[in-house]
C-alpha atoms as a PDB file:
ATOM      1  CA  MET A   1     136.718  85.243  76.236  1.00  0.00           C
ATOM      2  CA  ARG A   2     133.263  84.987  76.474  1.00  0.00           C
ATOM      3  CA  LYS A   3     131.929  81.113  75.587  1.00  0.00           C
ATOM      4  CA  ILE A   4     129.105  79.504  74.004  1.00  0.00           C
ATOM      5  CA  ILE A   5     127.549  76.316  75.359  1.00  0.00           C
ATOM      6  CA  PHE A   6     124.832  74.495  74.001  1.00  0.00           C
ATOM      7  CA  MET A   7     123.159  71.821  76.281  1.00  0.00           C
ATOM      8  CA  ASP A   8     121.118  69.013  75.229  1.00  0.00           C
ATOM      9  CA  ILE A   9     118.286  68.452  78.010  1.00  0.00           C
ATOM     10  CA  ASP A  10     117.192  63.962  77.694  1.00  0.00           C
ATOM     11  CA  GLY A  11     120.472  62.140  79.057  1.00  0.00           C
ATOM     12  CA  THR A  12     122.713  64.421  79.162  1.00  0.00           C
ATOM     13  CA  LEU A  13     121.392  67.584  81.443  1.00  0.00           C
ATOM     14  CA  VAL A  14     118.938  65.149  82.932  1.00  0.00           C
ATOM     15  CA  ASN A  15     119.499  61.682  84.408  1.00  0.00           C
ATOM     16  CA  ASP A  16     117.472  58.645  83.303  1.00  0.00           C
ATOM     17  CA  ASN A  17     114.429  60.177  85.143  1.00  0.00           C
ATOM     18  CA  GLY A  18     114.384  63.455  83.883  1.00  0.00           C
ATOM     19  CA  VAL A  19     115.736  65.172  86.715  1.00  0.00           C
ATOM     20  CA  ILE A  20     118.286  68.164  86.999  1.00  0.00           C
ATOM     21  CA  PRO A  21     121.171  67.190  89.260  1.00  0.00           C
ATOM     22  CA  GLU A  22     122.201  69.733  91.287  1.00  0.00           C
ATOM     23  CA  THR A  23     125.570  70.574  89.936  1.00  0.00           C
ATOM     24  CA  ALA A  24     124.242  70.666  86.766  1.00  0.00           C
ATOM     25  CA  LYS A  25     122.029  73.388  87.837  1.00  0.00           C
ATOM     26  CA  LEU A  26     125.235  75.121  89.265  1.00  0.00           C
ATOM     27  CA  ALA A  27     127.787  74.574  86.055  1.00  0.00           C
ATOM     28  CA  VAL A  28     125.355  76.628  84.399  1.00  0.00           C
ATOM     29  CA  GLN A  29     124.249  79.447  86.702  1.00  0.00           C
ATOM     30  CA  GLN A  30     128.060  79.776  87.420  1.00  0.00           C
ATOM     31  CA  ALA A  31     128.806  79.981  83.769  1.00  0.00           C
ATOM     32  CA  ARG A  32     126.369  82.335  83.018  1.00  0.00           C
ATOM     33  CA  LYS A  33     127.533  84.321  86.122  1.00  0.00           C
ATOM     34  CA  ASN A  34     130.826  84.437  84.603  1.00  0.00           C
ATOM     35  CA  GLY A  35     129.580  85.828  81.086  1.00  0.00           C
ATOM     36  CA  HIS A  36     129.325  82.501  79.115  1.00  0.00           C
ATOM     37  CA  LEU A  37     126.492  82.120  77.470  1.00  0.00           C
ATOM     38  CA  VAL A  38     124.907  78.748  77.918  1.00  0.00           C
ATOM     39  CA  PHE A  39     121.360  77.899  75.645  1.00  0.00           C
ATOM     40  CA  ILE A  40     119.461  74.999  75.370  1.00  0.00           C
ATOM     41  CA  CYS A  41     120.423  72.169  71.842  1.00  0.00           C
ATOM     42  CA  THR A  42     117.474  69.925  72.430  1.00  0.00           C
ATOM     43  CA  GLY A  43     115.129  67.703  70.945  1.00  0.00           C
ATOM     44  CA  ARG A  44     112.573  68.710  73.302  1.00  0.00           C
ATOM     45  CA  SER A  45     109.379  71.502  71.953  1.00  0.00           C
ATOM     46  CA  LYS A  46     108.861  73.905  74.054  1.00  0.00           C
ATOM     47  CA  ALA A  47     105.898  72.383  76.126  1.00  0.00           C
ATOM     48  CA  GLU A  48     107.862  69.622  77.296  1.00  0.00           C
ATOM     49  CA  LEU A  49     110.374  72.719  78.582  1.00  0.00           C
ATOM     50  CA  PHE A  50     108.730  72.122  81.929  1.00  0.00           C
ATOM     51  CA  THR A  51     109.771  74.804  84.283  1.00  0.00           C
ATOM     52  CA  GLU A  52     112.788  73.361  86.429  1.00  0.00           C
ATOM     53  CA  ILE A  53     114.329  73.251  82.988  1.00  0.00           C
ATOM     54  CA  LEU A  54     113.587  76.397  82.703  1.00  0.00           C
ATOM     55  CA  GLU A  55     114.547  77.598  86.094  1.00  0.00           C
ATOM     56  CA  VAL A  56     118.131  77.078  85.939  1.00  0.00           C
ATOM     57  CA  GLY A  57     118.007  80.109  83.618  1.00  0.00           C
ATOM     58  CA  PHE A  58     118.828  80.379  79.919  1.00  0.00           C
ATOM     59  CA  ASP A  59     120.235  82.673  77.139  1.00  0.00           C
ATOM     60  CA  GLY A  60     118.160  81.042  74.487  1.00  0.00           C
ATOM     61  CA  ILE A  61     116.280  77.802  73.371  1.00  0.00           C
ATOM     62  CA  ILE A  62     117.492  75.399  70.087  1.00  0.00           C
ATOM     63  CA  GLY A  63     114.315  73.105  70.440  1.00  0.00           C
ATOM     64  CA  ALA A  64     113.179  70.290  68.344  1.00  0.00           C
ATOM     65  CA  ALA A  65     116.173  68.989  67.472  1.00  0.00           C
ATOM     66  CA  GLY A  66     116.750  72.542  64.735  1.00  0.00           C
ATOM     67  CA  GLY A  67     113.332  73.233  63.738  1.00  0.00           C
ATOM     68  CA  TYR A  68     112.778  75.948  66.573  1.00  0.00           C
ATOM     69  CA  ILE A  69     115.664  79.232  67.920  1.00  0.00           C
ATOM     70  CA  GLU A  70     114.444  81.255  71.031  1.00  0.00           C
ATOM     71  CA  ILE A  71     116.813  83.511  72.101  1.00  0.00           C
ATOM     72  CA  GLY A  72     115.665  85.927  74.755  1.00  0.00           C
ATOM     73  CA  GLU A  73     112.219  86.562  74.287  1.00  0.00           C
ATOM     74  CA  GLN A  74     112.647  86.463  69.864  1.00  0.00           C
ATOM     75  CA  VAL A  75     111.728  83.548  67.751  1.00  0.00           C
ATOM     76  CA  ILE A  76     114.865  83.864  64.760  1.00  0.00           C
ATOM     77  CA  PHE A  77     113.390  80.712  63.009  1.00  0.00           C
ATOM     78  CA  HIS A  78     110.819  77.977  63.681  1.00  0.00           C
ATOM     79  CA  LYS A  79     110.072  75.266  60.673  1.00  0.00           C
ATOM     80  CA  THR A  80     106.640  72.364  61.504  1.00  0.00           C
ATOM     81  CA  VAL A  81     106.321  69.650  59.905  1.00  0.00           C
ATOM     82  CA  ALA A  82     104.043  69.630  56.774  1.00  0.00           C
ATOM     83  CA  LYS A  83     100.243  68.847  57.830  1.00  0.00           C
ATOM     84  CA  GLU A  84     100.039  65.746  55.135  1.00  0.00           C
ATOM     85  CA  ASP A  85     103.221  63.831  56.416  1.00  0.00           C
ATOM     86  CA  VAL A  86     102.024  64.389  59.716  1.00  0.00           C
ATOM     87  CA  THR A  87      98.684  62.563  58.383  1.00  0.00           C
ATOM     88  CA  HIS A  88     100.818  59.789  56.495  1.00  0.00           C
ATOM     89  CA  LEU A  89     102.906  59.185  60.103  1.00  0.00           C
ATOM     90  CA  VAL A  90      99.669  59.252  62.120  1.00  0.00           C
ATOM     91  CA  ASN A  91      97.234  56.442  59.891  1.00  0.00           C
ATOM     92  CA  TYR A  92     100.714  54.251  59.873  1.00  0.00           C
ATOM     93  CA  PHE A  93     101.418  54.441  63.139  1.00  0.00           C
ATOM     94  CA  ASN A  94      97.743  53.706  64.446  1.00  0.00           C
ATOM     95  CA  GLU A  95      97.556  51.068  62.254  1.00  0.00           C
ATOM     96  CA  HIS A  96     100.659  49.145  63.343  1.00  0.00           C
ATOM     97  CA  LYS A  97      98.979  50.003  66.818  1.00  0.00           C
ATOM     98  CA  ILE A  98     102.737  52.164  67.712  1.00  0.00           C
ATOM     99  CA  ASP A  99     102.390  54.079  70.367  1.00  0.00           C
ATOM    100  CA  PHE A 100     103.265  58.184  69.419  1.00  0.00           C
ATOM    101  CA  TYR A 101     103.282  62.283  71.094  1.00  0.00           C
ATOM    102  CA  LEU A 102     103.177  64.709  68.352  1.00  0.00           C
ATOM    103  CA  GLU A 103     105.163  67.663  69.779  1.00  0.00           C
ATOM    104  CA  SER A 104     104.202  71.268  69.248  1.00  0.00           C
ATOM    105  CA  ASN A 105     105.183  74.727  70.451  1.00  0.00           C
ATOM    106  CA  GLY A 106     101.434  75.367  72.335  1.00  0.00           C
ATOM    107  CA  GLY A 107     101.128  71.485  73.831  1.00  0.00           C
ATOM    108  CA  ILE A 108     101.771  67.675  73.119  1.00  0.00           C
ATOM    109  CA  PHE A 109      99.418  65.766  71.405  1.00  0.00           C
ATOM    110  CA  ALA A 110      98.749  61.763  72.859  1.00  0.00           C
ATOM    111  CA  SER A 111      97.909  59.254  70.610  1.00  0.00           C
ATOM    112  CA  LYS A 112      95.321  56.613  71.921  1.00  0.00           C
ATOM    113  CA  HIS A 113      97.009  54.359  73.753  1.00  0.00           C
ATOM    114  CA  CYS A 114     100.164  56.102  74.034  1.00  0.00           C
ATOM    115  CA  LYS A 115      99.245  57.328  77.846  1.00  0.00           C
ATOM    116  CA  GLN A 116      98.550  54.002  78.951  1.00  0.00           C
ATOM    117  CA  HIS A 117     101.780  53.048  77.748  1.00  0.00           C
ATOM    118  CA  LEU A 118     104.004  55.329  79.524  1.00  0.00           C
ATOM    119  CA  GLU A 119     101.611  54.356  82.718  1.00  0.00           C
ATOM    120  CA  THR A 120     103.278  51.093  82.201  1.00  0.00           C
ATOM    121  CA  ILE A 121     106.444  52.153  81.953  1.00  0.00           C
ATOM    122  CA  ILE A 122     106.759  53.737  85.050  1.00  0.00           C
ATOM    123  CA  GLU A 123     105.052  51.383  87.282  1.00  0.00           C
ATOM    124  CA  GLU A 124     107.448  48.846  85.706  1.00  0.00           C
ATOM    125  CA  ILE A 125     110.753  51.558  86.527  1.00  0.00           C
ATOM    126  CA  LEU A 126     109.584  51.959  90.142  1.00  0.00           C
ATOM    127  CA  ILE A 127     109.214  48.400  90.648  1.00  0.00           C
ATOM    128  CA  ASP A 128     112.643  47.952  89.513  1.00  0.00           C
ATOM    129  CA  ASN A 129     113.634  50.473  91.896  1.00  0.00           C
ATOM    130  CA  PRO A 130     110.866  51.744  94.418  1.00  0.00           C
ATOM    131  CA  ASP A 131     113.612  54.149  95.437  1.00  0.00           C
ATOM    132  CA  ALA A 132     113.302  56.212  92.482  1.00  0.00           C
ATOM    133  CA  LYS A 133     110.203  57.116  92.893  1.00  0.00           C
ATOM    134  CA  GLU A 134     110.473  60.756  93.624  1.00  0.00           C
ATOM    135  CA  GLU A 135     112.758  61.037  91.127  1.00  0.00           C
ATOM    136  CA  VAL A 136     109.798  59.999  88.548  1.00  0.00           C
ATOM    137  CA  GLU A 137     107.694  62.142  90.547  1.00  0.00           C
ATOM    138  CA  LYS A 138     109.593  64.981  89.524  1.00  0.00           C
ATOM    139  CA  GLY A 139     111.014  64.015  86.521  1.00  0.00           C
ATOM    140  CA  ILE A 140     109.251  61.538  84.037  1.00  0.00           C
ATOM    141  CA  ARG A 141     105.340  62.265  85.793  1.00  0.00           C
ATOM    142  CA  PRO A 142     105.477  66.270  84.936  1.00  0.00           C
ATOM    143  CA  PHE A 143     105.993  65.516  81.238  1.00  0.00           C
ATOM    144  CA  TYR A 144     103.553  62.842  82.331  1.00  0.00           C
ATOM    145  CA  HIS A 145     100.756  64.611  82.879  1.00  0.00           C
ATOM    146  CA  ALA A 146     101.443  67.006  80.428  1.00  0.00           C
ATOM    147  CA  LEU A 147     100.223  64.727  77.291  1.00  0.00           C
ATOM    148  CA  ILE A 148      97.047  65.917  76.030  1.00  0.00           C
ATOM    149  CA  GLU A 149      94.175  63.173  74.847  1.00  0.00           C
ATOM    150  CA  GLY A 150      91.404  63.359  72.295  1.00  0.00           C
ATOM    151  CA  GLU A 151      92.256  66.094  69.880  1.00  0.00           C
ATOM    152  CA  SER A 152      92.383  65.496  66.783  1.00  0.00           C
ATOM    153  CA  LEU A 153      95.805  64.785  65.817  1.00  0.00           C
ATOM    154  CA  ILE A 154      96.646  66.159  62.331  1.00  0.00           C
ATOM    155  CA  ARG A 155      97.483  69.014  62.991  1.00  0.00           C
ATOM    156  CA  GLU A 156      99.784  72.059  61.054  1.00  0.00           C
ATOM    157  CA  ASP A 157     101.453  72.990  63.855  1.00  0.00           C
ATOM    158  CA  ILE A 158     103.729  69.584  64.797  1.00  0.00           C
ATOM    159  CA  ASN A 159     107.206  70.740  65.281  1.00  0.00           C
ATOM    160  CA  LYS A 160     108.580  66.810  65.801  1.00  0.00           C
ATOM    161  CA  ILE A 161     107.277  63.807  66.221  1.00  0.00           C
ATOM    162  CA  SER A 162     108.587  60.826  69.071  1.00  0.00           C
ATOM    163  CA  PHE A 163     107.071  57.208  69.028  1.00  0.00           C
ATOM    164  CA  LEU A 164     107.485  54.543  72.009  1.00  0.00           C
ATOM    165  CA  GLY A 165     109.141  51.122  71.872  1.00  0.00           C
ATOM    166  CA  SER A 166     106.800  48.517  69.676  1.00  0.00           C
ATOM    167  CA  ALA A 167     107.297  44.851  67.970  1.00  0.00           C
ATOM    168  CA  ILE A 168     108.159  47.416  64.365  1.00  0.00           C
ATOM    169  CA  PRO A 169     111.924  47.103  63.744  1.00  0.00           C
ATOM    170  CA  ILE A 170     113.002  51.141  63.500  1.00  0.00           C
ATOM    171  CA  ASP A 171     114.517  49.936  60.670  1.00  0.00           C
ATOM    172  CA  THR A 172     111.133  49.662  59.294  1.00  0.00           C
ATOM    173  CA  ILE A 173     109.880  53.008  59.902  1.00  0.00           C
ATOM    174  CA  ARG A 174     113.297  54.177  58.802  1.00  0.00           C
ATOM    175  CA  LYS A 175     112.781  53.105  55.793  1.00  0.00           C
ATOM    176  CA  GLU A 176     108.762  54.038  55.492  1.00  0.00           C
ATOM    177  CA  PHE A 177     109.440  57.630  56.383  1.00  0.00           C
ATOM    178  CA  GLY A 178     113.503  58.284  55.861  1.00  0.00           C
ATOM    179  CA  THR A 179     112.048  60.346  52.198  1.00  0.00           C
ATOM    180  CA  LYS A 180     110.317  62.379  54.815  1.00  0.00           C
ATOM    181  CA  PHE A 181     111.394  62.762  57.763  1.00  0.00           C
ATOM    182  CA  THR A 182     115.263  61.976  59.571  1.00  0.00           C
ATOM    183  CA  VAL A 183     114.828  59.057  61.811  1.00  0.00           C
ATOM    184  CA  LEU A 184     116.439  58.632  65.068  1.00  0.00           C
ATOM    185  CA  SER A 185     116.042  56.212  67.850  1.00  0.00           C
ATOM    186  CA  SER A 186     115.245  57.588  71.068  1.00  0.00           C
ATOM    187  CA  THR A 187     117.880  60.217  73.622  1.00  0.00           C
ATOM    188  CA  VAL A 188     115.284  58.172  76.445  1.00  0.00           C
ATOM    189  CA  PRO A 189     115.795  54.634  77.374  1.00  0.00           C
ATOM    190  CA  VAL A 190     113.178  54.148  79.796  1.00  0.00           C
ATOM    191  CA  PHE A 191     111.431  54.276  75.672  1.00  0.00           C
ATOM    192  CA  GLY A 192     111.973  50.454  74.836  1.00  0.00           C
ATOM    193  CA  GLN A 193     113.187  49.301  72.246  1.00  0.00           C
ATOM    194  CA  ASN A 194     112.396  50.228  68.663  1.00  0.00           C
ATOM    195  CA  SER A 195     111.438  53.619  69.941  1.00  0.00           C
ATOM    196  CA  GLY A 196     112.879  56.902  68.517  1.00  0.00           C
ATOM    197  CA  GLU A 197     111.818  60.524  66.737  1.00  0.00           C
ATOM    198  CA  LEU A 198     111.507  61.998  64.049  1.00  0.00           C
ATOM    199  CA  SER A 199     112.689  65.524  62.532  1.00  0.00           C
ATOM    200  CA  VAL A 200     112.484  67.723  59.791  1.00  0.00           C
ATOM    201  CA  PRO A 201     115.374  66.573  57.794  1.00  0.00           C
ATOM    202  CA  GLY A 202     117.819  69.329  56.692  1.00  0.00           C
ATOM    203  CA  ILE A 203     117.543  70.199  59.658  1.00  0.00           C
ATOM    204  CA  ASN A 204     119.438  69.823  63.280  1.00  0.00           C
ATOM    205  CA  LYS A 205     120.702  70.491  66.052  1.00  0.00           C
ATOM    206  CA  ALA A 206     124.603  71.808  63.796  1.00  0.00           C
ATOM    207  CA  THR A 207     122.166  74.017  60.841  1.00  0.00           C
ATOM    208  CA  ALA A 208     120.516  76.099  64.533  1.00  0.00           C
ATOM    209  CA  ILE A 209     123.453  76.521  66.270  1.00  0.00           C
ATOM    210  CA  THR A 210     124.990  78.261  62.727  1.00  0.00           C
ATOM    211  CA  THR A 211     121.807  80.348  63.235  1.00  0.00           C
ATOM    212  CA  VAL A 212     122.649  81.827  66.554  1.00  0.00           C
ATOM    213  CA  LEU A 213     126.357  82.875  65.904  1.00  0.00           C
ATOM    214  CA  GLU A 214     125.479  84.491  62.902  1.00  0.00           C
ATOM    215  CA  TYR A 215     122.749  86.069  64.839  1.00  0.00           C
ATOM    216  CA  LEU A 216     124.450  86.949  67.538  1.00  0.00           C
ATOM    217  CA  ASN A 217     127.657  87.558  65.517  1.00  0.00           C
ATOM    218  CA  LEU A 218     129.632  84.955  67.353  1.00  0.00           C
ATOM    219  CA  ASP A 219     132.275  82.722  66.404  1.00  0.00           C
ATOM    220  CA  ARG A 220     132.672  78.971  66.367  1.00  0.00           C
ATOM    221  CA  ASN A 221     136.057  78.472  68.046  1.00  0.00           C
ATOM    222  CA  ASP A 222     133.784  79.812  71.015  1.00  0.00           C
ATOM    223  CA  THR A 223     131.435  77.563  71.020  1.00  0.00           C
ATOM    224  CA  PHE A 224     131.190  73.865  73.485  1.00  0.00           C
ATOM    225  CA  GLY A 225     128.326  70.979  73.023  1.00  0.00           C
ATOM    226  CA  TYR A 226     127.136  68.848  75.358  1.00  0.00           C
ATOM    227  CA  GLY A 227     124.979  65.529  74.571  1.00  0.00           C
ATOM    228  CA  ASP A 228     125.026  62.123  74.980  1.00  0.00           C
ATOM    229  CA  GLY A 229     122.493  60.619  71.981  1.00  0.00           C
ATOM    230  CA  MET A 230     122.118  60.012  68.422  1.00  0.00           C
ATOM    231  CA  ASN A 231     120.290  63.480  67.544  1.00  0.00           C
ATOM    232  CA  ASP A 232     124.022  66.017  69.594  1.00  0.00           C
ATOM    233  CA  LEU A 233     126.175  64.236  66.446  1.00  0.00           C
ATOM    234  CA  GLU A 234     125.802  66.993  64.226  1.00  0.00           C
ATOM    235  CA  MET A 235     126.581  69.327  67.300  1.00  0.00           C
ATOM    236  CA  ILE A 236     129.140  67.437  69.334  1.00  0.00           C
ATOM    237  CA  GLU A 237     130.575  67.484  65.524  1.00  0.00           C
ATOM    238  CA  PHE A 238     130.786  70.724  64.851  1.00  0.00           C
ATOM    239  CA  VAL A 239     131.461  72.331  67.727  1.00  0.00           C
ATOM    240  CA  GLN A 240     134.864  74.166  68.670  1.00  0.00           C
ATOM    241  CA  HIS A 241     134.401  71.855  72.088  1.00  0.00           C
ATOM    242  CA  GLY A 242     132.208  68.487  71.481  1.00  0.00           C
ATOM    243  CA  ILE A 243     131.832  66.458  74.706  1.00  0.00           C
ATOM    244  CA  ALA A 244     129.757  63.614  75.373  1.00  0.00           C
ATOM    245  CA  VAL A 245     128.784  62.558  78.436  1.00  0.00           C
ATOM    246  CA  GLY A 246     129.475  59.399  80.166  1.00  0.00           C
ATOM    247  CA  ASN A 247     125.866  56.931  78.928  1.00  0.00           C
ATOM    248  CA  ALA A 248     126.588  58.562  75.873  1.00  0.00           C
ATOM    249  CA  LYS A 249     126.327  56.216  72.705  1.00  0.00           C
ATOM    250  CA  GLU A 250     129.387  54.976  72.041  1.00  0.00           C
ATOM    251  CA  ALA A 251     129.531  56.501  68.708  1.00  0.00           C
ATOM    252  CA  LEU A 252     128.932  60.101  69.949  1.00  0.00           C
ATOM    253  CA  LYS A 253     131.799  59.258  72.297  1.00  0.00           C
ATOM    254  CA  GLN A 254     133.553  58.265  69.559  1.00  0.00           C
ATOM    255  CA  ALA A 255     133.020  61.520  67.638  1.00  0.00           C
ATOM    256  CA  ALA A 256     133.622  63.429  70.416  1.00  0.00           C
ATOM    257  CA  ASP A 257     136.445  65.469  71.229  1.00  0.00           C
ATOM    258  CA  ASP A 258     136.368  64.522  74.888  1.00  0.00           C
ATOM    259  CA  ILE A 259     134.186  62.291  76.918  1.00  0.00           C
ATOM    260  CA  THR A 260     133.310  63.480  81.097  1.00  0.00           C
ATOM    261  CA  ASP A 261     131.998  61.658  84.035  1.00  0.00           C
ATOM    262  CA  THR A 262     128.133  60.786  83.952  1.00  0.00           C
ATOM    263  CA  HIS A 263     124.747  63.377  84.298  1.00  0.00           C
ATOM    264  CA  ASP A 264     124.558  61.633  88.207  1.00  0.00           C
ATOM    265  CA  GLU A 265     128.514  61.511  88.363  1.00  0.00           C
ATOM    266  CA  HIS A 266     128.530  65.500  87.973  1.00  0.00           C
ATOM    267  CA  GLY A 267     129.906  65.370  84.969  1.00  0.00           C
ATOM    268  CA  ILE A 268     128.654  68.842  84.096  1.00  0.00           C
ATOM    269  CA  PHE A 269     130.018  70.851  86.717  1.00  0.00           C
ATOM    270  CA  ASN A 270     133.765  68.281  85.863  1.00  0.00           C
ATOM    271  CA  SER A 271     134.089  69.200  82.825  1.00  0.00           C
ATOM    272  CA  PHE A 272     132.704  73.034  82.936  1.00  0.00           C
ATOM    273  CA  ARG A 273     135.262  73.269  85.695  1.00  0.00           C
ATOM    274  CA  LYS A 274     138.269  71.356  83.337  1.00  0.00           C
ATOM    275  CA  TYR A 275     137.846  73.564  80.593  1.00  0.00           C
ATOM    276  CA  GLY A 276     137.532  77.201  82.671  1.00  0.00           C
ATOM    277  CA  LEU A 277     134.037  77.924  82.019  1.00  0.00           C
ATOM    278  CA  ILE A 278     133.583  77.775  86.182  1.00  0.00           C
END
């Protein structure tokens, strides 16, 4: 019987350097050959879905932590952040020296010092692990180059906002924006302590999966979800088989139905094989 699989990207499909293990590519492609549907289900917006990811081949996209849904070439849902909320956020982050970027389907718009901050992160990764250079150039560097500087940050096309680590505790940010956004810790470890993301409240990966199932007339009993971070929690709890990768947050592992190996230990491939998807 055909299954539908929802796959997080950062920390799940790709490793900490942003690279997809070859076994994960093989698993996705073989599962689709076997007649199953595989959807990206990510906090990233479409502008951050780089060629290497899309070339794996997927049946649809849930992006912006549930705020955007695309099936084939058809956009079936898209919710953006209110302009006044973007204005509040930009002013607050600039005042408190928090580097951030605004995510839209048409581009990733960086605050004044965001790219410089990210370059420092990349340099530190390579100092600590010179052997990671090839992976960094393949995984993180395309994101760095995609960041757009110098554009107006007061925009009406924003799906979600991500911010890098700073001296401001994430709980302080949560108190400031908790009535306007869902505020979660970042799923990208290299972004540092107190890094995170803000998305439209009331929308998450589970609400998006519900919309996909209704649109395709598919049953929740035939669903799988794979994740590592707390923006995957609703997905993991909602699907029939919620699977945390080995490097997942402990709270997500506690909520999951099963735990597979880490991304670099062939976790996706091993789990797909375990459940007869490949």
